[in-house]
Structure formats: structure tokens, C-alpha cells
């Protein structure tokens, strides 16, 4: 099971940034990832971060990717699922000032 990781949204909470970041809101949103960026996690390279993905985001995303694999195996046909689509999930990095929201999609075995 591969997982496509797509950046849906980059946020900046200006009020919090102005209060707590040395550069304030001038720091801007995440400097590494942009909306629309896409990465492929390959299950045959277990726990290997996709090239170009922020290492801090990877630390937050990997448990959710692993959980998707477990849920897929444990889910029974017709069983209720929290999200609208059984093969998609939303996750985010835990930066409390400049969070990035990701779409995780199971993609099968294609490259």
C-alpha cells in the first residue's frame, strides 16, 4: 500500500506569530511546503521519508500513514468509517503557529 501525501493548506496564525515568534507574522507560513505539493510514500521502502517532504512533518505524518494500513486490514465491508472516503484521511503537522494540512490517500502499488 502506497500513500500519496498532498499539501492541502498552509496556515499562519498571525496573532500567535506576532506574540511568540521572533519575526512575528513576517515569518509567514511554512517555508518548506506549498499548497499542492505532492509526495509518494512507498510501502516497499518502509518508514523512508519521501524526498522533499519536511522532516518535522514526516514525524507527525508517519503514525497516521501506518494507522491507515492497519485500518485497511481490520475494516470489514460495509463498516462505518469516520471520513467520507475509506482510502483518504486528513492529517497535519503540529506546528501551532504555521501548521500544514495534508491529504493522505492510499494509492495501491503504483509508483
C-alpha atoms as a PDB file:
ATOM      1  CA  UNK A   1       0.000   0.000   0.000  1.00  0.00           C
ATOM      2  CA  UNK A   2       1.464   3.318  -1.091  1.00  0.00           C
ATOM      3  CA  UNK A   3       0.222   6.657   0.215  1.00  0.00           C
ATOM      4  CA  UNK A   4       0.052   9.894  -1.747  1.00  0.00           C
ATOM      5  CA  UNK A   5       0.718  12.851   0.584  1.00  0.00           C
ATOM      6  CA  UNK A   6      -0.669  16.144  -0.728  1.00  0.00           C
ATOM      7  CA  UNK A   7      -0.428  19.567   0.904  1.00  0.00           C
ATOM      8  CA  UNK A   8      -3.988  20.904   1.089  1.00  0.00           C
ATOM      9  CA  UNK A   9      -3.374  24.075   3.049  1.00  0.00           C
ATOM     10  CA  UNK A  10      -0.627  26.055   4.731  1.00  0.00           C
ATOM     11  CA  UNK A  11      -1.772  28.213   7.611  1.00  0.00           C
ATOM     12  CA  UNK A  12      -0.352  31.145   9.550  1.00  0.00           C
ATOM     13  CA  UNK A  13      -1.950  32.308  12.772  1.00  0.00           C
ATOM     14  CA  UNK A  14      -0.768  35.915  12.647  1.00  0.00           C
ATOM     15  CA  UNK A  15      -1.886  36.854  16.153  1.00  0.00           C
ATOM     16  CA  UNK A  16       0.034  33.954  17.698  1.00  0.00           C
ATOM     17  CA  UNK A  17       3.032  34.561  15.424  1.00  0.00           C
ATOM     18  CA  UNK A  18       3.184  38.245  16.392  1.00  0.00           C
ATOM     19  CA  UNK A  19       3.055  37.310  20.058  1.00  0.00           C
ATOM     20  CA  UNK A  20       5.544  34.429  20.080  1.00  0.00           C
ATOM     21  CA  UNK A  21       7.806  34.308  17.001  1.00  0.00           C
ATOM     22  CA  UNK A  22      10.911  36.477  16.884  1.00  0.00           C
ATOM     23  CA  UNK A  23       9.964  37.603  13.355  1.00  0.00           C
ATOM     24  CA  UNK A  24       6.264  37.749  14.188  1.00  0.00           C
ATOM     25  CA  UNK A  25       3.846  37.213  11.312  1.00  0.00           C
ATOM     26  CA  UNK A  26       6.589  38.313   8.890  1.00  0.00           C
ATOM     27  CA  UNK A  27       7.888  34.757   9.263  1.00  0.00           C
ATOM     28  CA  UNK A  28       4.995  33.734   7.007  1.00  0.00           C
ATOM     29  CA  UNK A  29       3.548  30.255   6.567  1.00  0.00           C
ATOM     30  CA  UNK A  30       5.691  27.119   6.285  1.00  0.00           C
ATOM     31  CA  UNK A  31       8.810  27.968   4.256  1.00  0.00           C
ATOM     32  CA  UNK A  32       9.310  24.355   3.092  1.00  0.00           C
ATOM     33  CA  UNK A  33       5.926  23.181   1.785  1.00  0.00           C
ATOM     34  CA  UNK A  34       3.443  24.819  -0.577  1.00  0.00           C
ATOM     35  CA  UNK A  35      -0.212  24.060  -1.270  1.00  0.00           C
ATOM     36  CA  UNK A  36      -0.445  21.414  -3.982  1.00  0.00           C
ATOM     37  CA  UNK A  37       2.944  19.814  -3.205  1.00  0.00           C
ATOM     38  CA  UNK A  38       2.645  16.049  -3.510  1.00  0.00           C
ATOM     39  CA  UNK A  39       4.826  13.179  -2.301  1.00  0.00           C
ATOM     40  CA  UNK A  40       4.581   9.405  -2.552  1.00  0.00           C
ATOM     41  CA  UNK A  41       5.277   7.141   0.407  1.00  0.00           C
ATOM     42  CA  UNK A  42       6.207   3.728  -0.967  1.00  0.00           C
ATOM     43  CA  UNK A  43       5.356   0.803   1.287  1.00  0.00           C
ATOM     44  CA  UNK A  44       8.246  -1.205  -0.155  1.00  0.00           C
ATOM     45  CA  UNK A  45      10.571   1.391   1.413  1.00  0.00           C
ATOM     46  CA  UNK A  46       9.074   1.094   4.889  1.00  0.00           C
ATOM     47  CA  UNK A  47       9.416   4.222   7.033  1.00  0.00           C
ATOM     48  CA  UNK A  48      11.500   6.040   4.402  1.00  0.00           C
ATOM     49  CA  UNK A  49      10.526   9.696   4.184  1.00  0.00           C
ATOM     50  CA  UNK A  50       9.623  10.791   0.655  1.00  0.00           C
ATOM     51  CA  UNK A  51      12.239  13.087  -0.864  1.00  0.00           C
ATOM     52  CA  UNK A  52      11.428  16.774  -0.399  1.00  0.00           C
ATOM     53  CA  UNK A  53       8.982  16.313   2.464  1.00  0.00           C
ATOM     54  CA  UNK A  54       9.677  18.332   5.629  1.00  0.00           C
ATOM     55  CA  UNK A  55      11.318  16.014   8.201  1.00  0.00           C
ATOM     56  CA  UNK A  56       9.271  17.541  11.027  1.00  0.00           C
ATOM     57  CA  UNK A  57       6.025  16.938   9.129  1.00  0.00           C
ATOM     58  CA  UNK A  58       7.147  13.352   8.398  1.00  0.00           C
ATOM     59  CA  UNK A  59       7.497  12.685  12.129  1.00  0.00           C
ATOM     60  CA  UNK A  60       3.862  13.713  12.557  1.00  0.00           C
ATOM     61  CA  UNK A  61       2.509  12.003   9.419  1.00  0.00           C
ATOM     62  CA  UNK A  62       4.149   8.587   9.640  1.00  0.00           C
ATOM     63  CA  UNK A  63       1.989   7.278  12.521  1.00  0.00           C
ATOM     64  CA  UNK A  64      -1.137   8.254  10.559  1.00  0.00           C
ATOM     65  CA  UNK A  65       0.180   6.509   7.441  1.00  0.00           C
ATOM     66  CA  UNK A  66       0.908   3.347   9.447  1.00  0.00           C
ATOM     67  CA  UNK A  67      -2.561   3.571  11.024  1.00  0.00           C
ATOM     68  CA  UNK A  68      -4.150   3.720   7.547  1.00  0.00           C
ATOM     69  CA  UNK A  69      -2.535   0.398   6.731  1.00  0.00           C
ATOM     70  CA  UNK A  70      -3.808  -1.223   9.930  1.00  0.00           C
ATOM     71  CA  UNK A  71      -7.314   0.202   9.492  1.00  0.00           C
ATOM     72  CA  UNK A  72      -7.466  -1.078   5.939  1.00  0.00           C
ATOM     73  CA  UNK A  73      -6.637  -4.600   7.068  1.00  0.00           C
ATOM     74  CA  UNK A  74      -9.047  -4.512  10.022  1.00  0.00           C
ATOM     75  CA  UNK A  75     -12.005  -2.837   8.278  1.00  0.00           C
ATOM     76  CA  UNK A  76     -14.895  -5.066   7.270  1.00  0.00           C
ATOM     77  CA  UNK A  77     -17.004  -4.439   4.128  1.00  0.00           C
ATOM     78  CA  UNK A  78     -19.866  -2.038   4.885  1.00  0.00           C
ATOM     79  CA  UNK A  79     -18.308  -0.932   8.173  1.00  0.00           C
ATOM     80  CA  UNK A  80     -18.853   2.739   9.053  1.00  0.00           C
ATOM     81  CA  UNK A  81     -15.818   4.963   8.505  1.00  0.00           C
ATOM     82  CA  UNK A  82     -15.106   8.340  10.098  1.00  0.00           C
ATOM     83  CA  UNK A  83     -14.157  10.032   6.822  1.00  0.00           C
ATOM     84  CA  UNK A  84     -16.319  10.229   3.713  1.00  0.00           C
ATOM     85  CA  UNK A  85     -13.781   8.132   1.773  1.00  0.00           C
ATOM     86  CA  UNK A  86     -12.275   4.988   3.260  1.00  0.00           C
ATOM     87  CA  UNK A  87      -8.963   5.427   1.432  1.00  0.00           C
ATOM     88  CA  UNK A  88      -8.424   9.080   2.352  1.00  0.00           C
ATOM     89  CA  UNK A  89      -7.546  10.809   5.598  1.00  0.00           C
ATOM     90  CA  UNK A  90      -6.579  14.286   6.761  1.00  0.00           C
ATOM     91  CA  UNK A  91      -3.542  14.936   8.924  1.00  0.00           C
ATOM     92  CA  UNK A  92      -1.348  17.880   9.821  1.00  0.00           C
ATOM     93  CA  UNK A  93       1.987  18.809  11.258  1.00  0.00           C
ATOM     94  CA  UNK A  94       1.889  20.023  14.814  1.00  0.00           C
ATOM     95  CA  UNK A  95       3.378  23.471  14.276  1.00  0.00           C
ATOM     96  CA  UNK A  96       0.990  25.521  16.385  1.00  0.00           C
ATOM     97  CA  UNK A  97       1.781  28.786  14.612  1.00  0.00           C
ATOM     98  CA  UNK A  98       2.277  27.670  10.971  1.00  0.00           C
ATOM     99  CA  UNK A  99       0.517  24.304  10.575  1.00  0.00           C
ATOM    100  CA  UNK A 100       0.301  22.456   7.267  1.00  0.00           C
ATOM    101  CA  UNK A 101      -2.756  20.311   6.450  1.00  0.00           C
ATOM    102  CA  UNK A 102      -2.230  17.153   4.390  1.00  0.00           C
ATOM    103  CA  UNK A 103      -4.443  14.756   2.463  1.00  0.00           C
ATOM    104  CA  UNK A 104      -3.280  11.135   2.791  1.00  0.00           C
ATOM    105  CA  UNK A 105      -4.591   8.814   0.056  1.00  0.00           C
ATOM    106  CA  UNK A 106      -3.979   5.090  -0.309  1.00  0.00           C
ATOM    107  CA  UNK A 107      -2.862   4.530  -3.876  1.00  0.00           C
ATOM    108  CA  UNK A 108      -2.120   0.798  -4.152  1.00  0.00           C
ATOM    109  CA  UNK A 109       1.232  -0.282  -5.520  1.00  0.00           C
ATOM    110  CA  UNK A 110       1.818   2.126  -8.400  1.00  0.00           C
ATOM    111  CA  UNK A 111       4.905   4.361  -8.398  1.00  0.00           C
END
